[in-house]
Amino acid sequence: MSIVKAGAVAPLVELLQSGNGNLRDSAVATISNLSASDANKAMIGASASIPLLVYILSDHAGTGSVQSKVDAVMALYNLSTLRQNLVSIITAGAVAPLTCLLKDCKKSSKLATKIMGLLESCMEFEEGRCSLIQQDGGLLAVVEILEEGTVQGREYAVGALLTMCQTDRLKY
């Protein structure tokens, strides 16, 4: 927490925007580590980091290594436990790149479990539900987690599907 209170988030956000891939990857890893502390989540979320982390997840971004994407997922997963951060994650359009990553990763992996946990939280919002459905194969990826995912991943998938059905049975 003292690192964040000392003002480390602003320089990290600048590094997230860097043209130097190594610096950007290091900044993502650092934010991921700092986001694990509840005391840091509000300050990190209040910065411009969430849209930049979502951008790193995007295939079209051409930014970041595979590890950088994993670290971005972990940071967003950690930050999503605060409602205001979850709203920012939805607003930044995270569901589409998360769904693409979920479709491409091994369904029994830790990464798939974290993505599914984050997607379950996003299903609280109409924008999240619509974005998942609009992704080609998005709903299928969630069902595949039910079939092949970890126990926790399957719980997240059931929660996501249940939320969708409870909000609008006819639509979902």
Protein backbone atom coordinates (compact mmCIF):
# COMPACT_ATOMS: atom_id res chain seq x y z
CA MET A 1 0.00 0.00 0.00
CA SER A 2 2.81 2.44 0.75
CA ILE A 3 4.05 2.12 -2.84
CA VAL A 4 0.64 3.10 -4.16
CA LYS A 5 0.25 5.89 -1.59
CA ALA A 6 3.66 7.20 -2.63
CA GLY A 7 2.30 7.78 -6.13
CA ALA A 8 3.53 4.76 -8.06
CA VAL A 9 0.32 4.29 -10.03
CA ALA A 10 0.70 7.35 -12.28
CA PRO A 11 4.16 6.34 -13.57
CA LEU A 12 2.92 2.77 -14.07
CA VAL A 13 0.01 4.07 -16.15
CA GLU A 14 2.52 6.01 -18.26
CA LEU A 15 4.52 2.82 -18.75
CA LEU A 16 1.35 0.98 -19.84
CA GLN A 17 1.21 3.45 -22.72
CA SER A 18 4.90 3.00 -23.56
CA GLY A 19 6.05 1.91 -26.98
CA ASN A 20 8.62 -0.28 -25.24
CA GLY A 21 7.06 -3.73 -24.85
CA ASN A 22 9.36 -4.77 -22.00
CA LEU A 23 8.47 -1.69 -19.96
CA ARG A 24 4.78 -2.16 -20.70
CA ASP A 25 4.93 -5.83 -19.70
CA SER A 26 6.71 -4.94 -16.45
CA ALA A 27 4.11 -2.28 -15.67
CA VAL A 28 1.26 -4.77 -16.22
CA ALA A 29 2.95 -7.29 -13.93
CA THR A 30 3.49 -4.64 -11.25
CA ILE A 31 -0.12 -3.46 -11.41
CA SER A 32 -1.27 -7.07 -11.22
CA ASN A 33 0.77 -7.58 -8.05
CA LEU A 34 -0.35 -4.30 -6.47
CA SER A 35 -4.01 -5.01 -7.31
CA ALA A 36 -3.96 -8.10 -5.11
CA SER A 37 -4.11 -5.84 -2.04
CA ASP A 38 -7.58 -4.57 -1.12
CA ALA A 39 -6.01 -1.34 0.07
CA ASN A 40 -4.76 -0.57 -3.46
CA LYS A 41 -7.81 -1.42 -5.54
CA ALA A 42 -9.61 1.92 -5.34
CA MET A 43 -6.53 3.98 -6.20
CA ILE A 44 -5.55 1.73 -9.11
CA GLY A 45 -9.12 1.70 -10.38
CA ALA A 46 -9.36 5.48 -10.18
CA SER A 47 -6.34 5.81 -12.46
CA ALA A 48 -6.49 5.30 -16.23
CA SER A 49 -5.18 1.76 -15.82
CA ILE A 50 -8.37 -0.23 -16.46
CA PRO A 51 -8.93 0.86 -20.09
CA LEU A 52 -5.22 0.34 -20.77
CA LEU A 53 -5.30 -3.17 -19.28
CA VAL A 54 -8.35 -3.98 -21.42
CA TYR A 55 -6.55 -2.62 -24.48
CA ILE A 56 -3.61 -4.94 -23.80
CA LEU A 57 -6.04 -7.88 -23.84
CA SER A 58 -7.24 -6.98 -27.33
CA ASP A 59 -5.78 -8.93 -30.24
CA HIS A 60 -5.84 -5.87 -32.47
CA ALA A 61 -3.72 -3.96 -29.99
CA GLY A 62 -0.54 -5.80 -30.99
CA THR A 63 0.70 -4.95 -27.52
CA GLY A 64 2.00 -7.13 -24.82
CA SER A 65 3.22 -10.66 -24.57
CA VAL A 66 1.14 -13.66 -23.59
CA GLN A 67 2.35 -13.15 -20.02
CA SER A 68 1.27 -9.53 -20.21
CA LYS A 69 -2.25 -10.63 -21.16
CA VAL A 70 -2.29 -13.12 -18.26
CA ASP A 71 -1.14 -10.37 -15.88
CA ALA A 72 -3.79 -7.99 -17.27
CA VAL A 73 -6.49 -10.61 -16.63
CA MET A 74 -5.23 -11.11 -13.09
CA ALA A 75 -5.19 -7.37 -12.43
CA LEU A 76 -8.72 -6.92 -13.77
CA TYR A 77 -9.90 -9.95 -11.80
CA ASN A 78 -8.43 -8.47 -8.62
CA LEU A 79 -9.80 -5.00 -9.30
CA SER A 80 -13.29 -6.30 -10.13
CA THR A 81 -14.07 -6.96 -6.48
CA LEU A 82 -14.83 -3.24 -6.10
CA ARG A 83 -18.13 -2.28 -7.73
CA GLN A 84 -16.79 1.00 -9.18
CA ASN A 85 -13.90 -0.88 -10.78
CA LEU A 86 -16.27 -3.46 -12.24
CA VAL A 87 -18.28 -0.64 -13.82
CA SER A 88 -15.05 0.71 -15.33
CA ILE A 89 -14.14 -2.75 -16.61
CA ILE A 90 -17.52 -3.06 -18.34
CA THR A 91 -17.31 0.49 -19.70
CA ALA A 92 -13.84 -0.21 -21.10
CA GLY A 93 -15.31 -3.07 -23.13
CA ALA A 94 -13.51 -5.92 -21.41
CA VAL A 95 -16.05 -8.66 -22.17
CA ALA A 96 -15.15 -8.98 -25.87
CA PRO A 97 -11.39 -9.50 -25.43
CA LEU A 98 -11.95 -11.67 -22.36
CA THR A 99 -14.30 -13.86 -24.36
CA CYS A 100 -11.75 -14.16 -27.18
CA LEU A 101 -9.08 -15.18 -24.69
CA LEU A 102 -11.44 -17.69 -23.09
CA LYS A 103 -12.19 -19.28 -26.47
CA ASP A 104 -8.47 -19.64 -27.20
CA CYS A 105 -7.12 -20.89 -23.87
CA LYS A 106 -7.15 -24.33 -22.29
CA LYS A 107 -10.47 -24.53 -20.44
CA SER A 108 -8.97 -26.26 -17.40
CA SER A 109 -6.26 -23.62 -16.95
CA LYS A 110 -5.92 -21.10 -14.14
CA LEU A 111 -6.24 -18.37 -16.77
CA ALA A 112 -9.60 -19.73 -17.97
CA THR A 113 -10.81 -19.88 -14.38
CA LYS A 114 -9.88 -16.24 -13.73
CA ILE A 115 -11.41 -15.10 -17.03
CA MET A 116 -14.61 -16.98 -16.21
CA GLY A 117 -14.72 -15.42 -12.74
CA LEU A 118 -14.37 -11.99 -14.25
CA LEU A 119 -17.00 -12.72 -16.89
CA GLU A 120 -19.40 -13.97 -14.21
CA SER A 121 -19.09 -10.59 -12.46
CA CYS A 122 -19.66 -8.81 -15.77
CA MET A 123 -22.95 -10.67 -16.28
CA GLU A 124 -24.50 -8.44 -13.59
CA PHE A 125 -24.67 -5.75 -16.27
CA GLU A 126 -26.78 -5.75 -19.43
CA GLU A 127 -23.76 -4.49 -21.40
CA GLY A 128 -21.76 -7.49 -20.24
CA ARG A 129 -24.47 -9.99 -21.10
CA CYS A 130 -25.06 -8.48 -24.53
CA SER A 131 -21.35 -8.36 -25.28
CA LEU A 132 -20.90 -12.03 -24.41
CA ILE A 133 -23.82 -13.07 -26.61
CA GLN A 134 -22.60 -10.91 -29.51
CA GLN A 135 -19.19 -12.61 -29.54
CA ASP A 136 -19.07 -15.45 -32.02
CA GLY A 137 -18.79 -18.55 -29.86
CA GLY A 138 -18.96 -16.56 -26.62
CA LEU A 139 -21.74 -18.53 -25.00
CA LEU A 140 -20.22 -21.77 -26.28
CA ALA A 141 -16.94 -20.90 -24.52
CA VAL A 142 -18.84 -20.58 -21.23
CA VAL A 143 -20.52 -23.95 -21.82
CA GLU A 144 -17.11 -25.48 -22.58
CA ILE A 145 -15.95 -24.31 -19.15
CA LEU A 146 -18.87 -26.30 -17.71
CA GLU A 147 -17.59 -29.37 -19.52
CA GLU A 148 -13.81 -29.02 -19.21
CA GLY A 149 -13.07 -26.31 -16.63
CA THR A 150 -11.74 -26.49 -13.12
CA VAL A 151 -14.24 -26.89 -10.29
CA GLN A 152 -14.05 -23.16 -9.57
CA GLY A 153 -14.30 -22.34 -13.28
CA ARG A 154 -17.46 -24.45 -13.54
CA GLU A 155 -18.93 -22.64 -10.56
CA TYR A 156 -18.25 -19.31 -12.24
CA ALA A 157 -19.79 -20.56 -15.49
CA VAL A 158 -22.94 -21.75 -13.70
CA GLY A 159 -23.16 -18.41 -11.92
CA ALA A 160 -22.81 -16.51 -15.20
CA LEU A 161 -25.47 -18.58 -16.94
CA LEU A 162 -27.80 -18.38 -13.94
CA THR A 163 -27.47 -14.59 -13.82
CA MET A 164 -28.22 -14.38 -17.52
CA CYS A 165 -31.31 -16.58 -17.22
CA GLN A 166 -32.59 -14.81 -14.13
CA THR A 167 -32.39 -11.40 -15.80
CA ASP A 168 -34.26 -12.39 -18.96
CA ARG A 169 -35.23 -16.01 -19.56
CA LEU A 170 -36.59 -15.39 -23.03
CA LYS A 171 -33.58 -13.46 -24.26
CA TYR A 172 -30.88 -15.70 -22.83
